Amino acid sequence: MKEKGAATTTSDADAIDIALLGKEYHVSCPAREKESLLEAVAYLDQRLAETSKKTHAAGETLAVMTALNIAHEFLQLLHGRGFDLPTLKRRIGAMQTRIESVLAQQEKLF
């Protein structure tokens, strides 16, 4: 039996075996995307375990709750609400102003 979140390559170059919460799945995967899929498997397995520990849910309920949490976080980031966008823009502007000031001083030296 595979460890949680583990994945191994099968003889078929376009498919891999993965394990989530100890259950094995055989999934298609282009070779160029294998590493990112393995990263996603590890992330999802971790999130499933965390949600299970917090909610004591299992099976389909656990999968749906975890998917909903991940989708919510993704949409927060997609819409710029995962972090303070106005503050980030102000900080970038301040850095840009400082860089331009330093560059202007450097130009005076030469």
N, C-alpha and C. Protein backbone atom coordinates (compact mmCIF):
# COMPACT_ATOMS: atom_id res chain seq x y z
N MET A 1 0.84 -1.19 0.00
CA MET A 1 0.00 0.00 0.00
C MET A 1 0.88 1.24 0.00
N LYS A 2 0.51 2.24 -0.74
CA LYS A 2 1.27 3.49 -0.85
C LYS A 2 1.03 4.36 0.38
N GLU A 3 2.00 5.23 0.63
CA GLU A 3 1.83 6.20 1.71
C GLU A 3 0.84 7.27 1.25
N LYS A 4 0.28 7.99 2.22
CA LYS A 4 -0.66 9.06 1.89
C LYS A 4 0.03 10.09 1.02
N GLY A 5 -0.62 10.47 -0.07
CA GLY A 5 -0.07 11.49 -0.94
C GLY A 5 1.04 10.99 -1.84
N ALA A 6 1.33 9.71 -1.79
CA ALA A 6 2.42 9.17 -2.60
C ALA A 6 1.97 8.97 -4.03
N ALA A 7 2.92 8.97 -4.94
CA ALA A 7 2.63 8.73 -6.35
C ALA A 7 3.82 8.02 -6.96
N THR A 8 3.55 7.07 -7.84
CA THR A 8 4.61 6.37 -8.54
C THR A 8 4.27 6.30 -10.01
N THR A 9 5.30 6.24 -10.83
CA THR A 9 5.10 6.15 -12.27
C THR A 9 4.79 4.72 -12.64
N THR A 10 3.85 4.52 -13.55
CA THR A 10 3.55 3.19 -14.05
C THR A 10 4.35 2.98 -15.32
N SER A 11 4.21 1.81 -15.92
CA SER A 11 4.93 1.54 -17.16
C SER A 11 4.41 2.41 -18.29
N ASP A 12 3.21 2.90 -18.18
CA ASP A 12 2.63 3.79 -19.18
C ASP A 12 3.12 5.21 -18.88
N ALA A 13 3.85 5.81 -19.83
CA ALA A 13 4.46 7.12 -19.61
C ALA A 13 3.42 8.22 -19.42
N ASP A 14 2.17 8.00 -19.87
CA ASP A 14 1.15 9.03 -19.76
C ASP A 14 0.18 8.79 -18.62
N ALA A 15 0.52 7.93 -17.69
CA ALA A 15 -0.35 7.66 -16.55
C ALA A 15 0.50 7.41 -15.32
N ILE A 16 -0.04 7.78 -14.17
CA ILE A 16 0.64 7.50 -12.91
C ILE A 16 -0.36 6.98 -11.90
N ASP A 17 0.16 6.30 -10.91
CA ASP A 17 -0.65 5.84 -9.78
C ASP A 17 -0.43 6.84 -8.65
N ILE A 18 -1.52 7.29 -8.06
CA ILE A 18 -1.44 8.21 -6.92
C ILE A 18 -2.23 7.61 -5.77
N ALA A 19 -1.99 8.13 -4.58
CA ALA A 19 -2.74 7.71 -3.41
C ALA A 19 -3.19 8.94 -2.64
N LEU A 20 -4.47 8.98 -2.33
CA LEU A 20 -5.04 10.05 -1.52
C LEU A 20 -5.75 9.40 -0.35
N LEU A 21 -5.36 9.77 0.86
CA LEU A 21 -5.91 9.17 2.08
C LEU A 21 -5.86 7.65 2.03
N GLY A 22 -4.78 7.13 1.45
CA GLY A 22 -4.58 5.69 1.42
C GLY A 22 -5.29 4.95 0.30
N LYS A 23 -6.08 5.64 -0.49
CA LYS A 23 -6.78 4.99 -1.59
C LYS A 23 -6.04 5.28 -2.89
N GLU A 24 -5.83 4.25 -3.69
CA GLU A 24 -5.06 4.40 -4.91
C GLU A 24 -5.93 4.75 -6.11
N TYR A 25 -5.37 5.58 -6.99
CA TYR A 25 -6.04 5.99 -8.22
C TYR A 25 -5.02 5.92 -9.36
N HIS A 26 -5.47 5.57 -10.53
CA HIS A 26 -4.65 5.55 -11.74
C HIS A 26 -5.15 6.70 -12.60
N VAL A 27 -4.29 7.70 -12.84
CA VAL A 27 -4.71 8.88 -13.58
C VAL A 27 -3.79 9.14 -14.77
N SER A 28 -4.37 9.70 -15.83
CA SER A 28 -3.59 10.09 -17.00
C SER A 28 -2.87 11.38 -16.70
N CYS A 29 -1.66 11.48 -17.25
CA CYS A 29 -0.87 12.67 -17.00
C CYS A 29 0.21 12.81 -18.07
N PRO A 30 0.18 13.89 -18.84
CA PRO A 30 1.28 14.11 -19.79
C PRO A 30 2.60 14.21 -19.04
N ALA A 31 3.65 13.70 -19.61
CA ALA A 31 4.95 13.68 -18.94
C ALA A 31 5.39 15.07 -18.48
N ARG A 32 5.12 16.09 -19.27
CA ARG A 32 5.56 17.45 -18.93
C ARG A 32 4.80 18.01 -17.71
N GLU A 33 3.69 17.40 -17.33
CA GLU A 33 2.90 17.89 -16.21
C GLU A 33 3.01 17.01 -14.96
N LYS A 34 3.85 15.99 -15.03
CA LYS A 34 3.95 15.03 -13.93
C LYS A 34 4.32 15.69 -12.61
N GLU A 35 5.36 16.53 -12.62
CA GLU A 35 5.81 17.15 -11.37
C GLU A 35 4.73 18.02 -10.74
N SER A 36 4.03 18.80 -11.55
CA SER A 36 2.98 19.65 -10.98
C SER A 36 1.81 18.81 -10.48
N LEU A 37 1.52 17.70 -11.15
CA LEU A 37 0.46 16.82 -10.66
C LEU A 37 0.85 16.20 -9.33
N LEU A 38 2.09 15.76 -9.21
CA LEU A 38 2.56 15.19 -7.94
C LEU A 38 2.50 16.22 -6.82
N GLU A 39 2.80 17.46 -7.14
CA GLU A 39 2.70 18.53 -6.15
C GLU A 39 1.23 18.72 -5.74
N ALA A 40 0.33 18.67 -6.71
CA ALA A 40 -1.10 18.80 -6.43
C ALA A 40 -1.59 17.64 -5.57
N VAL A 41 -1.11 16.43 -5.85
CA VAL A 41 -1.49 15.25 -5.06
C VAL A 41 -1.07 15.43 -3.61
N ALA A 42 0.17 15.86 -3.40
CA ALA A 42 0.65 16.06 -2.04
C ALA A 42 -0.16 17.14 -1.32
N TYR A 43 -0.45 18.23 -2.02
CA TYR A 43 -1.23 19.32 -1.45
C TYR A 43 -2.64 18.86 -1.09
N LEU A 44 -3.28 18.17 -2.02
CA LEU A 44 -4.65 17.71 -1.79
C LEU A 44 -4.70 16.69 -0.65
N ASP A 45 -3.74 15.79 -0.61
CA ASP A 45 -3.73 14.79 0.46
C ASP A 45 -3.58 15.47 1.81
N GLN A 46 -2.73 16.49 1.87
CA GLN A 46 -2.55 17.24 3.12
C GLN A 46 -3.84 17.94 3.52
N ARG A 47 -4.49 18.59 2.55
CA ARG A 47 -5.74 19.31 2.85
C ARG A 47 -6.85 18.35 3.26
N LEU A 48 -6.93 17.19 2.61
CA LEU A 48 -7.93 16.19 3.00
C LEU A 48 -7.70 15.75 4.45
N ALA A 49 -6.46 15.50 4.79
CA ALA A 49 -6.14 15.08 6.16
C ALA A 49 -6.48 16.17 7.17
N GLU A 50 -6.16 17.43 6.84
CA GLU A 50 -6.47 18.54 7.74
C GLU A 50 -7.97 18.69 7.94
N THR A 51 -8.72 18.63 6.85
CA THR A 51 -10.18 18.77 6.94
C THR A 51 -10.78 17.62 7.72
N SER A 52 -10.28 16.42 7.48
CA SER A 52 -10.76 15.24 8.21
C SER A 52 -10.52 15.38 9.70
N LYS A 53 -9.34 15.86 10.05
CA LYS A 53 -8.99 16.03 11.47
C LYS A 53 -9.89 17.07 12.14
N LYS A 54 -10.18 18.16 11.43
CA LYS A 54 -11.00 19.23 12.00
C LYS A 54 -12.47 18.88 12.08
N THR A 55 -12.97 18.19 11.06
CA THR A 55 -14.41 17.96 10.96
C THR A 55 -14.85 16.54 11.26
N HIS A 56 -13.92 15.63 11.29
CA HIS A 56 -14.21 14.20 11.46
C HIS A 56 -15.07 13.66 10.33
N ALA A 57 -15.08 14.37 9.20
CA ALA A 57 -15.83 13.93 8.03
C ALA A 57 -15.03 12.85 7.31
N ALA A 58 -15.73 12.11 6.46
CA ALA A 58 -15.06 11.06 5.67
C ALA A 58 -15.78 10.92 4.34
N GLY A 59 -15.16 10.19 3.43
CA GLY A 59 -15.78 9.87 2.15
C GLY A 59 -16.14 11.08 1.32
N GLU A 60 -17.32 11.01 0.72
CA GLU A 60 -17.78 12.07 -0.18
C GLU A 60 -17.91 13.40 0.52
N THR A 61 -18.39 13.39 1.76
CA THR A 61 -18.53 14.65 2.51
C THR A 61 -17.18 15.31 2.70
N LEU A 62 -16.17 14.53 3.05
CA LEU A 62 -14.82 15.07 3.22
C LEU A 62 -14.31 15.64 1.91
N ALA A 63 -14.50 14.92 0.81
CA ALA A 63 -14.03 15.39 -0.50
C ALA A 63 -14.71 16.70 -0.89
N VAL A 64 -16.01 16.79 -0.68
CA VAL A 64 -16.75 18.00 -1.04
C VAL A 64 -16.34 19.18 -0.16
N MET A 65 -16.20 18.96 1.14
CA MET A 65 -15.81 20.03 2.04
C MET A 65 -14.41 20.55 1.70
N THR A 66 -13.49 19.64 1.41
CA THR A 66 -12.13 20.03 1.06
C THR A 66 -12.11 20.78 -0.26
N ALA A 67 -12.85 20.27 -1.25
CA ALA A 67 -12.92 20.95 -2.55
C ALA A 67 -13.51 22.34 -2.41
N LEU A 68 -14.53 22.48 -1.60
CA LEU A 68 -15.15 23.79 -1.39
C LEU A 68 -14.17 24.76 -0.74
N ASN A 69 -13.42 24.30 0.26
CA ASN A 69 -12.43 25.16 0.91
C ASN A 69 -11.34 25.61 -0.07
N ILE A 70 -10.85 24.67 -0.88
CA ILE A 70 -9.81 25.00 -1.85
C ILE A 70 -10.35 25.96 -2.91
N ALA A 71 -11.56 25.72 -3.40
CA ALA A 71 -12.17 26.60 -4.40
C ALA A 71 -12.36 28.01 -3.83
N HIS A 72 -12.80 28.09 -2.59
CA HIS A 72 -12.99 29.40 -1.95
C HIS A 72 -11.67 30.16 -1.86
N GLU A 73 -10.62 29.48 -1.40
CA GLU A 73 -9.31 30.12 -1.30
C GLU A 73 -8.81 30.57 -2.68
N PHE A 74 -8.99 29.72 -3.67
CA PHE A 74 -8.57 30.06 -5.03
C PHE A 74 -9.29 31.31 -5.53
N LEU A 75 -10.59 31.36 -5.32
CA LEU A 75 -11.35 32.53 -5.78
C LEU A 75 -10.97 33.79 -5.03
N GLN A 76 -10.64 33.66 -3.75
CA GLN A 76 -10.18 34.82 -2.97
C GLN A 76 -8.90 35.37 -3.59
N LEU A 77 -7.98 34.49 -3.94
CA LEU A 77 -6.74 34.94 -4.57
C LEU A 77 -6.98 35.48 -5.97
N LEU A 78 -7.85 34.81 -6.73
CA LEU A 78 -8.15 35.22 -8.09
C LEU A 78 -8.75 36.62 -8.13
N HIS A 79 -9.58 36.92 -7.16
CA HIS A 79 -10.24 38.22 -7.12
C HIS A 79 -9.49 39.24 -6.28
N GLY A 80 -8.28 38.89 -5.86
CA GLY A 80 -7.46 39.84 -5.12
C GLY A 80 -7.83 40.04 -3.68
N ARG A 81 -8.66 39.16 -3.14
CA ARG A 81 -9.08 39.31 -1.74
C ARG A 81 -8.29 38.39 -0.83
N GLY A 82 -7.33 37.65 -1.39
CA GLY A 82 -6.51 36.77 -0.56
C GLY A 82 -5.42 37.52 0.18
N PHE A 83 -5.20 38.77 -0.21
CA PHE A 83 -4.24 39.62 0.46
C PHE A 83 -4.70 41.07 0.27
N ASP A 84 -4.07 41.97 0.96
CA ASP A 84 -4.46 43.38 0.94
C ASP A 84 -3.90 44.04 -0.31
N LEU A 85 -4.65 44.03 -1.40
CA LEU A 85 -4.19 44.54 -2.69
C LEU A 85 -3.88 46.04 -2.64
N PRO A 86 -4.70 46.89 -2.04
CA PRO A 86 -4.36 48.32 -1.99
C PRO A 86 -3.03 48.58 -1.28
N THR A 87 -2.80 47.90 -0.18
CA THR A 87 -1.53 48.07 0.55
C THR A 87 -0.37 47.60 -0.31
N LEU A 88 -0.55 46.49 -0.99
CA LEU A 88 0.50 45.97 -1.86
C LEU A 88 0.82 46.97 -2.97
N LYS A 89 -0.20 47.55 -3.57
CA LYS A 89 0.01 48.54 -4.63
C LYS A 89 0.74 49.78 -4.09
N ARG A 90 0.38 50.22 -2.88
CA ARG A 90 1.06 51.38 -2.28
C ARG A 90 2.53 51.06 -2.03
N ARG A 91 2.81 49.87 -1.53
CA ARG A 91 4.19 49.49 -1.25
C ARG A 91 5.00 49.40 -2.54
N ILE A 92 4.42 48.86 -3.57
CA ILE A 92 5.10 48.79 -4.87
C ILE A 92 5.38 50.20 -5.39
N GLY A 93 4.40 51.08 -5.27
CA GLY A 93 4.59 52.47 -5.69
C GLY A 93 5.70 53.14 -4.91
N ALA A 94 5.75 52.92 -3.60
CA ALA A 94 6.80 53.51 -2.77
C ALA A 94 8.17 52.97 -3.17
N MET A 95 8.24 51.67 -3.44
CA MET A 95 9.51 51.09 -3.88
C MET A 95 9.94 51.66 -5.22
N GLN A 96 8.99 51.82 -6.12
CA GLN A 96 9.29 52.37 -7.44
C GLN A 96 9.82 53.80 -7.31
N THR A 97 9.19 54.59 -6.47
CA THR A 97 9.63 55.97 -6.25
C THR A 97 11.05 55.99 -5.68
N ARG A 98 11.30 55.13 -4.73
CA ARG A 98 12.64 55.06 -4.12
C ARG A 98 13.68 54.63 -5.14
N ILE A 99 13.38 53.64 -5.95
CA ILE A 99 14.31 53.18 -6.98
C ILE A 99 14.61 54.30 -7.96
N GLU A 100 13.57 55.00 -8.40
CA GLU A 100 13.77 56.10 -9.34
C GLU A 100 14.63 57.20 -8.72
N SER A 101 14.44 57.46 -7.44
CA SER A 101 15.23 58.48 -6.74
C SER A 101 16.70 58.08 -6.68
N VAL A 102 16.96 56.84 -6.33
CA VAL A 102 18.33 56.34 -6.24
C VAL A 102 18.99 56.37 -7.62
N LEU A 103 18.26 55.95 -8.64
CA LEU A 103 18.80 55.97 -10.00
C LEU A 103 19.11 57.40 -10.44
N ALA A 104 18.27 58.35 -10.09
CA ALA A 104 18.50 59.75 -10.45
C ALA A 104 19.78 60.25 -9.78
N GLN A 105 19.99 59.87 -8.53
CA GLN A 105 21.21 60.27 -7.82
C GLN A 105 22.45 59.66 -8.48
N GLN A 106 22.32 58.40 -8.93
CA GLN A 106 23.44 57.73 -9.59
C GLN A 106 23.80 58.43 -10.89
N GLU A 107 22.78 58.89 -11.62
CA GLU A 107 23.03 59.55 -12.90
C GLU A 107 23.79 60.85 -12.68
N LYS A 108 23.57 61.53 -11.56
CA LYS A 108 24.27 62.78 -11.27
C LYS A 108 25.76 62.54 -11.04
N LEU A 109 26.10 61.35 -10.57
CA LEU A 109 27.52 61.03 -10.29
C LEU A 109 28.32 60.85 -11.57
N PHE A 110 27.66 60.49 -12.64
CA PHE A 110 28.39 60.22 -13.89
C PHE A 110 28.09 61.30 -14.83
